[in-house]
Amino acid sequence: MGNAVAPDQSILRQQYDTHAETRLLIVSDIKARIKAALSPLSVQPTIKGRTKDFTSYYKKYLRILKSGNANPLITDTMGIRIVCPFIEDLAAAESLIKRGFEVIEVERKGHYTFKEFGYESTHLLIKIPDDIIANRGEIDSEVVEIQIRTILQDAWAEVEHELVYKAEFNPFDDPMKRKLAAVNANLSLADIIFQEIRAYQRQLNGELGKRRESFFQKIEESTDALLFAEDQGKKNEAQDAADIGIMLPDSVSIDDLLLNALYAHNRNRFDEAIAMYSRILELKPDNTICSLIYKHRGMANFAQSKYNEAIADFDHTLELDEKSYKAAYYRGVVHSVLKQYAEALDDFTQSLDINPYQSFCLFRRGQAYFHIGDYPQALSDCEASLALEPDNETVIKFKELLQGKLKM
């Protein structure tokens, strides 16, 4: 190595800069193609692109020469960084990249030392697609490096690059090493916690969706048959006699109680769900949570045909949150089932005053008008409902019924 000839920097610069503009264009093309490839992801990641400047390129060139490699091959002159919100998105993004590009190499970085701990990411080398080369022209590289990280991994990598890598900083004292490791560990833990919260939200939203679906089915069975005089009959909301009891520790959190209550609710274990909703209320959470729980408990009472209890729960919801248009709507449904149409009209109107863009509420108010014989007002609500949801077959059928009544 002592007799090695140093590379001519000016010649290297001239050669490197020859393709500078083309590299930028290729990175832009690859970014657009990656964005399209990642479109199936539920949350779109941030996509960054860069080309390595000559100074950085030359430093890396010399490091490779010093290692004994006489023909340095630098594969990251063009780079794309995919920054995802959650840990779970990393594998999904990698899979989509592999599906959309020819991947030459996969490297997973994550060395757990004070210096490299946070530099966790997946690095892929992809071949530049032939059509892009044909359009932009040949350059001195056939590959682009893609890095896939979470937001927090990317944040640490940016800071680490300035503090450690770029400055070639190597702290000698253990306290400084421990500080770097502690910051890094906190970021890694935050990533894990964010992922756990994300998983909990998905589970909670899934249970909420199931609960709404079963609740709306109960509404249809309890009200629509009265309109069309079909022999549908009300389905029995029979409770399984083998329902298990509530086996939860005293220290369980409100979040866990709610998730368990929704789980029981969605499986028609209404007594169990109501008991857990009541247990949450006994913990005296803030008014926002109490309002939500009363609403859920009211829905569970309605599912069991405990109509007075359901109305009382929806009353409590509205006392705590006067903007809860859903509670007013649900209370109107219960009054409709009880054939208390004047009260139902008041409730539906209250709900629409809070949020006028409710196709289903307009339809239910139209039903109430129908039952008291006010067909013109019923038709007006029906048409307003269809303006918001033109393809609702039940509302269309209702309109035909009203037109028949009015001989239109």
Protein backbone atom coordinates (compact mmCIF):
# COMPACT_ATOMS: atom_id res chain seq x y z
CA MET A 1 0.00 0.00 0.00
CA GLY A 2 2.99 2.31 0.59
CA ASN A 3 3.63 2.51 -3.17
CA ALA A 4 -0.01 2.93 -4.09
CA VAL A 5 -0.74 5.76 -6.52
CA ALA A 6 -3.22 8.28 -5.15
CA PRO A 7 -6.27 8.84 -7.34
CA ASP A 8 -6.45 12.08 -9.25
CA GLN A 9 -9.27 13.93 -7.51
CA SER A 10 -9.90 16.36 -10.38
CA ILE A 11 -10.29 13.55 -12.90
CA LEU A 12 -12.61 11.64 -10.54
CA ARG A 13 -14.68 14.79 -9.99
CA GLN A 14 -14.99 15.38 -13.72
CA GLN A 15 -16.09 11.79 -14.29
CA TYR A 16 -18.51 11.87 -11.36
CA ASP A 17 -20.06 15.22 -12.24
CA THR A 18 -20.69 14.12 -15.81
CA HIS A 19 -23.73 12.16 -14.66
CA ALA A 20 -24.87 14.49 -11.85
CA GLU A 21 -27.98 15.74 -13.64
CA THR A 22 -28.93 12.26 -14.83
CA ARG A 23 -28.68 10.88 -11.30
CA LEU A 24 -31.15 13.50 -10.07
CA LEU A 25 -33.60 12.61 -12.83
CA ILE A 26 -33.31 8.88 -12.11
CA VAL A 27 -33.88 9.43 -8.39
CA SER A 28 -37.00 11.46 -9.21
CA ASP A 29 -38.27 8.67 -11.49
CA ILE A 30 -37.60 5.99 -8.87
CA LYS A 31 -39.33 8.05 -6.16
CA ALA A 32 -42.48 8.33 -8.27
CA ARG A 33 -42.42 4.61 -9.01
CA ILE A 34 -41.91 3.73 -5.33
CA LYS A 35 -44.83 5.97 -4.36
CA ALA A 36 -47.05 4.04 -6.76
CA ALA A 37 -45.72 0.70 -5.52
CA LEU A 38 -46.48 1.61 -1.89
CA SER A 39 -50.01 2.89 -2.59
CA PRO A 40 -51.65 -0.26 -1.08
CA LEU A 41 -50.34 0.73 2.39
CA SER A 42 -53.07 2.13 4.64
CA VAL A 43 -50.78 4.96 5.82
CA GLN A 44 -48.52 6.38 3.18
CA PRO A 45 -44.85 6.69 4.20
CA THR A 46 -42.65 9.69 3.52
CA ILE A 47 -40.34 9.10 0.57
CA LYS A 48 -37.08 11.04 0.37
CA GLY A 49 -34.50 10.98 -2.41
CA ARG A 50 -30.93 12.18 -2.67
CA THR A 51 -27.77 11.86 -4.72
CA LYS A 52 -24.38 11.70 -3.04
CA ASP A 53 -22.28 14.83 -3.52
CA PHE A 54 -18.74 14.43 -4.74
CA THR A 55 -17.12 15.23 -1.39
CA SER A 56 -18.97 12.37 0.32
CA TYR A 57 -18.33 10.12 -2.67
CA TYR A 58 -14.60 10.86 -2.60
CA LYS A 59 -14.26 10.20 1.15
CA LYS A 60 -15.96 6.85 0.75
CA TYR A 61 -13.81 6.11 -2.32
CA LEU A 62 -10.65 6.67 -0.29
CA ARG A 63 -11.93 4.55 2.64
CA ILE A 64 -12.50 1.65 0.29
CA LEU A 65 -9.05 2.08 -1.24
CA LYS A 66 -7.50 2.06 2.27
CA SER A 67 -9.27 -1.24 2.99
CA GLY A 68 -7.28 -2.84 0.18
CA ASN A 69 -9.86 -2.84 -2.58
CA ALA A 70 -8.21 -1.44 -5.69
CA ASN A 71 -11.51 -1.04 -7.58
CA PRO A 72 -13.98 0.75 -5.30
CA LEU A 73 -17.62 0.07 -6.10
CA ILE A 74 -19.93 2.58 -4.46
CA THR A 75 -23.56 1.55 -4.62
CA ASP A 76 -25.25 4.45 -2.84
CA THR A 77 -24.55 7.33 -5.20
CA MET A 78 -28.34 7.43 -5.55
CA GLY A 79 -30.53 6.78 -2.54
CA ILE A 80 -34.18 6.64 -1.60
CA ARG A 81 -35.39 6.62 2.00
CA ILE A 82 -38.82 5.25 2.90
CA VAL A 83 -39.91 6.52 6.33
CA CYS A 84 -42.87 4.63 7.81
CA PRO A 85 -44.97 5.59 10.85
CA PHE A 86 -45.01 2.15 12.51
CA ILE A 87 -42.79 -0.91 12.85
CA GLU A 88 -45.42 -3.10 11.20
CA ASP A 89 -45.18 -1.01 8.02
CA LEU A 90 -41.51 -1.89 7.45
CA ALA A 91 -42.08 -5.48 6.32
CA ALA A 92 -45.09 -4.47 4.21
CA ALA A 93 -43.08 -1.75 2.46
CA GLU A 94 -40.19 -4.15 1.84
CA SER A 95 -42.54 -6.73 0.35
CA LEU A 96 -44.07 -4.18 -2.02
CA ILE A 97 -40.63 -2.97 -3.15
CA LYS A 98 -39.57 -6.56 -3.87
CA ARG A 99 -42.74 -7.02 -5.89
CA GLY A 100 -42.20 -3.88 -7.95
CA PHE A 101 -38.44 -3.88 -8.52
CA GLU A 102 -35.57 -6.25 -9.18
CA VAL A 103 -33.81 -6.47 -5.80
CA ILE A 104 -30.12 -7.35 -6.01
CA GLU A 105 -29.23 -7.29 -2.31
CA VAL A 106 -30.89 -7.01 1.09
CA GLU A 107 -28.99 -5.85 4.17
CA ARG A 108 -30.47 -5.38 7.65
CA LYS A 109 -28.57 -2.91 9.79
CA GLY A 110 -28.92 -2.80 13.55
CA HIS A 111 -25.74 -3.30 15.54
CA TYR A 112 -26.40 -2.80 19.22
CA THR A 113 -23.45 -0.69 20.29
CA PHE A 114 -23.55 2.91 21.50
CA LYS A 115 -22.50 4.04 18.04
CA GLU A 116 -24.68 1.88 15.84
CA PHE A 117 -27.63 0.90 18.04
CA GLY A 118 -30.15 3.28 16.51
CA TYR A 119 -29.07 2.84 12.94
CA GLU A 120 -31.70 0.19 12.40
CA SER A 121 -33.05 -0.03 8.90
CA THR A 122 -33.42 -2.33 5.95
CA HIS A 123 -31.22 -1.49 2.98
CA LEU A 124 -32.17 -2.78 -0.45
CA LEU A 125 -30.17 -2.45 -3.62
CA ILE A 126 -32.49 -2.36 -6.61
CA LYS A 127 -31.59 -2.46 -10.26
CA ILE A 128 -32.56 0.69 -12.12
CA PRO A 129 -35.43 -0.36 -14.42
CA ASP A 130 -34.44 -0.69 -18.05
CA ASP A 131 -37.07 1.76 -19.28
CA ILE A 132 -35.70 4.48 -16.99
CA ILE A 133 -32.16 3.87 -18.25
CA ALA A 134 -33.45 3.96 -21.83
CA ASN A 135 -35.18 7.26 -21.15
CA ARG A 136 -32.45 8.95 -19.07
CA GLY A 137 -29.31 7.38 -20.54
CA GLU A 138 -26.50 5.18 -19.20
CA ILE A 139 -24.64 6.33 -16.10
CA ASP A 140 -21.81 5.04 -13.90
CA SER A 141 -24.15 2.95 -11.70
CA GLU A 142 -26.80 0.31 -12.29
CA VAL A 143 -28.34 0.37 -8.81
CA VAL A 144 -30.17 2.60 -6.36
CA GLU A 145 -30.06 2.08 -2.59
CA ILE A 146 -33.38 2.07 -0.74
CA GLN A 147 -33.51 2.45 3.04
CA ILE A 148 -36.66 1.55 4.97
CA ARG A 149 -37.04 2.94 8.50
CA THR A 150 -39.59 4.13 11.03
CA ILE A 151 -39.88 7.84 11.78
CA LEU A 152 -37.95 7.44 15.04
CA GLN A 153 -35.26 5.28 13.47
CA ASP A 154 -34.83 7.93 10.82
CA ALA A 155 -34.66 10.72 13.40
CA TRP A 156 -31.92 8.92 15.31
CA ALA A 157 -30.00 8.13 12.13
CA GLU A 158 -30.01 11.80 11.15
CA VAL A 159 -28.70 12.91 14.55
CA GLU A 160 -26.24 10.04 14.79
CA HIS A 161 -24.86 10.90 11.35
CA GLU A 162 -24.01 14.40 12.58
CA LEU A 163 -22.78 13.49 16.08
CA VAL A 164 -20.95 10.24 15.47
CA TYR A 165 -20.44 9.17 11.89
CA LYS A 166 -19.86 12.47 10.12
CA ALA A 167 -17.76 13.93 12.96
CA GLU A 168 -15.89 10.63 13.43
CA PHE A 169 -16.64 11.02 17.12
CA ASN A 170 -15.79 8.15 19.45
CA PRO A 171 -16.47 9.02 23.11
CA PHE A 172 -14.01 7.50 25.54
CA ASP A 173 -15.88 7.87 28.83
CA ASP A 174 -18.62 5.45 29.83
CA PRO A 175 -21.11 8.16 30.95
CA MET A 176 -21.20 9.61 27.42
CA LYS A 177 -21.64 6.14 25.93
CA ARG A 178 -24.45 5.44 28.37
CA LYS A 179 -26.19 8.71 27.45
CA LEU A 180 -26.13 7.83 23.76
CA ALA A 181 -27.36 4.33 24.47
CA ALA A 182 -30.14 5.62 26.75
CA VAL A 183 -31.45 8.07 24.15
CA ASN A 184 -31.38 5.35 21.56
CA ALA A 185 -33.11 2.83 23.80
CA ASN A 186 -35.86 5.34 24.58
CA LEU A 187 -36.49 5.90 20.89
CA SER A 188 -36.60 2.15 20.27
CA LEU A 189 -39.01 1.67 23.18
CA ALA A 190 -41.19 4.50 21.85
CA ASP A 191 -41.38 2.71 18.48
CA ILE A 192 -42.54 -0.47 20.23
CA ILE A 193 -45.12 1.42 22.30
CA PHE A 194 -46.47 3.23 19.24
CA GLN A 195 -46.87 -0.14 17.55
CA GLU A 196 -48.71 -1.57 20.57
CA ILE A 197 -51.07 1.43 20.61
CA ARG A 198 -51.63 1.00 16.87
CA ALA A 199 -52.53 -2.66 17.35
CA TYR A 200 -54.89 -1.76 20.22
CA GLN A 201 -56.61 0.89 18.09
CA ARG A 202 -57.09 -1.59 15.26
CA GLN A 203 -58.61 -4.12 17.62
CA LEU A 204 -60.84 -1.49 19.23
CA ASN A 205 -62.02 -0.12 15.88
CA GLY A 206 -62.76 -3.65 14.71
CA GLU A 207 -64.95 -4.30 17.74
CA LEU A 208 -66.66 -0.91 17.34
CA GLY A 209 -67.42 -1.72 13.71
CA LYS A 210 -68.97 -5.06 14.62
CA ARG A 211 -71.04 -3.43 17.34
CA ARG A 212 -72.40 -0.77 14.97
CA GLU A 213 -73.28 -3.40 12.36
CA SER A 214 -75.28 -5.50 14.82
CA PHE A 215 -76.95 -2.39 16.27
CA PHE A 216 -78.09 -1.14 12.86
CA GLN A 217 -79.39 -4.61 12.01
CA LYS A 218 -81.49 -4.50 15.17
CA ILE A 219 -82.83 -1.08 14.12
CA GLU A 220 -83.82 -2.37 10.69
CA GLU A 221 -85.54 -5.40 12.15
CA SER A 222 -87.39 -3.26 14.69
CA THR A 223 -88.57 -0.44 12.38
CA ASP A 224 -88.49 -1.23 8.66
CA ALA A 225 -90.95 -4.13 8.91
CA LEU A 226 -93.58 -1.66 10.12
CA LEU A 227 -93.19 0.27 6.87
CA PHE A 228 -93.45 -2.45 4.31
CA ALA A 229 -95.67 -4.94 6.19
CA GLU A 230 -93.44 -7.82 5.26
CA ASP A 231 -93.50 -10.91 7.44
CA GLN A 232 -89.97 -10.45 8.66
CA GLY A 233 -90.64 -10.88 12.36
CA LYS A 234 -88.26 -9.67 15.00
CA LYS A 235 -85.30 -11.90 15.57
CA ASN A 236 -84.84 -13.08 19.10
CA GLU A 237 -81.78 -11.55 20.71
CA ALA A 238 -81.45 -14.70 22.80
CA GLN A 239 -78.70 -14.73 25.38
CA ASP A 240 -76.49 -17.79 25.50
CA ALA A 241 -77.15 -19.46 28.83
CA ALA A 242 -73.54 -20.54 28.95
CA ASP A 243 -72.15 -16.98 29.00
CA ILE A 244 -69.03 -16.76 31.07
CA GLY A 245 -68.86 -14.38 34.00
CA ILE A 246 -66.62 -11.36 34.25
CA MET A 247 -63.18 -12.51 35.27
CA LEU A 248 -61.09 -9.36 35.29
CA PRO A 249 -58.59 -8.18 37.90
CA ASP A 250 -59.46 -5.18 40.04
CA SER A 251 -56.54 -3.22 38.59
CA VAL A 252 -57.65 -3.58 34.96
CA SER A 253 -57.51 -0.32 32.97
CA ILE A 254 -60.48 1.51 31.47
CA ASP A 255 -59.09 0.74 28.00
CA ASP A 256 -59.03 -2.99 28.77
CA LEU A 257 -62.51 -2.85 30.28
CA LEU A 258 -63.88 -1.09 27.22
CA LEU A 259 -62.26 -3.54 24.83
CA ASN A 260 -63.60 -6.50 26.82
CA ALA A 261 -67.05 -4.90 27.01
CA LEU A 262 -67.12 -4.39 23.25
CA TYR A 263 -65.91 -7.95 22.70
CA ALA A 264 -68.78 -9.29 24.85
CA HIS A 265 -71.23 -6.87 23.23
CA ASN A 266 -70.35 -8.05 19.72
CA ARG A 267 -70.88 -11.68 20.72
CA ASN A 268 -74.36 -10.96 22.09
CA ARG A 269 -73.22 -11.37 25.70
CA PHE A 270 -75.15 -8.27 26.60
CA ASP A 271 -75.44 -8.78 30.37
CA GLU A 272 -71.67 -9.17 30.54
CA ALA A 273 -71.12 -6.09 28.38
CA ILE A 274 -73.55 -3.98 30.43
CA ALA A 275 -71.83 -5.04 33.64
CA MET A 276 -68.45 -3.96 32.30
CA TYR A 277 -69.81 -0.66 30.99
CA SER A 278 -71.27 -0.08 34.47
CA ARG A 279 -67.93 -0.95 36.06
CA ILE A 280 -66.22 1.69 33.93
CA LEU A 281 -68.78 4.27 35.08
CA GLU A 282 -68.11 3.32 38.71
CA LEU A 283 -64.48 4.35 38.17
CA LYS A 284 -65.78 7.90 37.58
CA PRO A 285 -63.79 8.79 34.46
CA ASP A 286 -64.14 12.25 32.92
CA ASN A 287 -67.37 13.37 31.27
CA THR A 288 -66.20 12.59 27.75
CA ILE A 289 -65.56 8.95 28.62
CA CYS A 290 -68.77 8.68 30.68
CA SER A 291 -70.77 10.01 27.74
CA LEU A 292 -69.25 7.41 25.45
CA ILE A 293 -69.87 4.56 27.91
CA TYR A 294 -73.49 5.55 28.51
CA LYS A 295 -74.00 5.50 24.75
CA HIS A 296 -72.51 2.01 24.43
CA ARG A 297 -74.54 0.73 27.38
CA GLY A 298 -77.67 2.21 25.86
CA MET A 299 -76.99 0.28 22.65
CA ALA A 300 -76.54 -2.93 24.64
CA ASN A 301 -79.81 -2.31 26.51
CA PHE A 302 -81.55 -1.66 23.21
CA ALA A 303 -80.22 -4.96 21.83
CA GLN A 304 -81.90 -6.71 24.76
CA SER A 305 -85.14 -4.79 24.16
CA LYS A 306 -84.66 -2.96 27.48
CA TYR A 307 -86.02 0.19 25.94
CA ASN A 308 -86.56 2.34 29.05
CA GLU A 309 -83.01 1.59 30.25
CA ALA A 310 -81.68 2.45 26.79
CA ILE A 311 -83.51 5.79 26.75
CA ALA A 312 -82.14 6.60 30.22
CA ASP A 313 -78.59 5.87 29.04
CA PHE A 314 -78.98 8.05 25.95
CA ASP A 315 -80.41 10.79 28.19
CA HIS A 316 -77.24 10.61 30.31
CA THR A 317 -75.08 10.77 27.18
CA LEU A 318 -76.77 13.96 26.02
CA GLU A 319 -76.59 15.51 29.48
CA LEU A 320 -72.82 15.04 29.42
CA ASP A 321 -72.35 15.83 25.72
CA GLU A 322 -75.07 17.95 24.15
CA LYS A 323 -73.38 17.58 20.73
CA SER A 324 -73.79 13.79 20.65
CA TYR A 325 -76.01 13.59 17.58
CA LYS A 326 -75.72 9.81 17.56
CA ALA A 327 -77.20 9.54 21.05
CA ALA A 328 -80.14 11.73 19.99
CA TYR A 329 -80.58 9.55 16.90
CA TYR A 330 -80.41 6.33 18.90
CA ARG A 331 -82.94 7.66 21.40
CA GLY A 332 -85.22 8.52 18.49
CA VAL A 333 -84.93 4.95 17.22
CA VAL A 334 -85.97 3.58 20.62
CA HIS A 335 -88.97 5.93 20.72
CA SER A 336 -89.88 4.76 17.20
CA VAL A 337 -89.77 1.12 18.28
CA LEU A 338 -92.07 2.04 21.18
CA LYS A 339 -94.33 3.84 18.62
CA GLN A 340 -93.79 7.09 20.48
CA TYR A 341 -93.49 8.99 17.23
CA ALA A 342 -93.82 12.54 18.59
CA GLU A 343 -90.83 11.93 20.89
CA ALA A 344 -88.97 10.24 18.03
CA LEU A 345 -89.50 13.29 15.81
CA ASP A 346 -88.04 15.54 18.49
CA ASP A 347 -85.00 13.29 18.87
CA PHE A 348 -84.33 12.98 15.13
CA THR A 349 -84.72 16.73 14.71
CA GLN A 350 -82.31 17.34 17.60
CA SER A 351 -79.78 15.00 15.96
CA LEU A 352 -80.15 16.73 12.58
CA ASP A 353 -79.80 20.16 14.18
CA ILE A 354 -76.37 19.04 15.42
CA ASN A 355 -75.37 17.26 12.20
CA PRO A 356 -77.69 17.82 9.22
CA TYR A 357 -75.75 15.49 6.91
CA GLN A 358 -77.20 12.19 8.10
CA SER A 359 -78.96 10.21 5.43
CA PHE A 360 -80.05 7.50 7.86
CA CYS A 361 -81.47 10.01 10.38
CA LEU A 362 -83.49 11.78 7.69
CA PHE A 363 -84.85 8.40 6.63
CA ARG A 364 -85.85 7.49 10.20
CA ARG A 365 -87.50 10.86 10.73
CA GLY A 366 -89.36 10.34 7.48
CA GLN A 367 -90.57 7.00 8.89
CA ALA A 368 -91.87 8.77 12.00
CA TYR A 369 -93.73 11.30 9.87
CA PHE A 370 -95.19 8.42 7.86
CA HIS A 371 -96.57 6.76 10.97
CA ILE A 372 -98.37 9.91 12.07
CA GLY A 373 -99.80 10.34 8.55
CA ASP A 374 -97.72 13.34 7.45
CA TYR A 375 -96.80 11.92 4.05
CA PRO A 376 -95.61 15.19 2.43
CA GLN A 377 -93.09 15.81 5.22
CA ALA A 378 -92.08 12.15 5.10
CA LEU A 379 -91.44 12.46 1.36
CA SER A 380 -89.40 15.63 1.91
CA ASP A 381 -87.13 13.80 4.39
CA CYS A 382 -86.95 10.80 2.10
CA GLU A 383 -85.77 12.92 -0.83
CA ALA A 384 -83.23 14.71 1.39
CA SER A 385 -81.93 11.30 2.49
CA LEU A 386 -81.58 10.16 -1.12
CA ALA A 387 -79.73 13.36 -2.01
CA LEU A 388 -77.04 12.26 0.45
CA GLU A 389 -77.17 8.56 -0.41
CA PRO A 390 -78.80 8.07 -3.84
CA ASP A 391 -78.33 4.30 -4.05
CA ASN A 392 -79.94 3.28 -0.76
CA GLU A 393 -82.47 0.69 -1.90
CA THR A 394 -84.48 0.79 1.34
CA VAL A 395 -84.96 4.55 1.06
CA ILE A 396 -85.82 4.23 -2.64
CA LYS A 397 -88.46 1.66 -1.73
CA PHE A 398 -89.78 4.00 0.97
CA LYS A 399 -90.07 6.81 -1.59
CA GLU A 400 -92.10 4.58 -3.89
CA LEU A 401 -94.38 3.76 -0.96
CA LEU A 402 -94.90 7.46 -0.20
CA GLN A 403 -95.54 8.33 -3.83
CA GLY A 404 -98.22 5.66 -3.82
CA LYS A 405 -99.80 7.15 -0.71
CA LEU A 406 -99.75 10.59 -2.28
CA LYS A 407 -100.88 9.19 -5.68
CA MET A 408 -97.97 10.84 -7.46
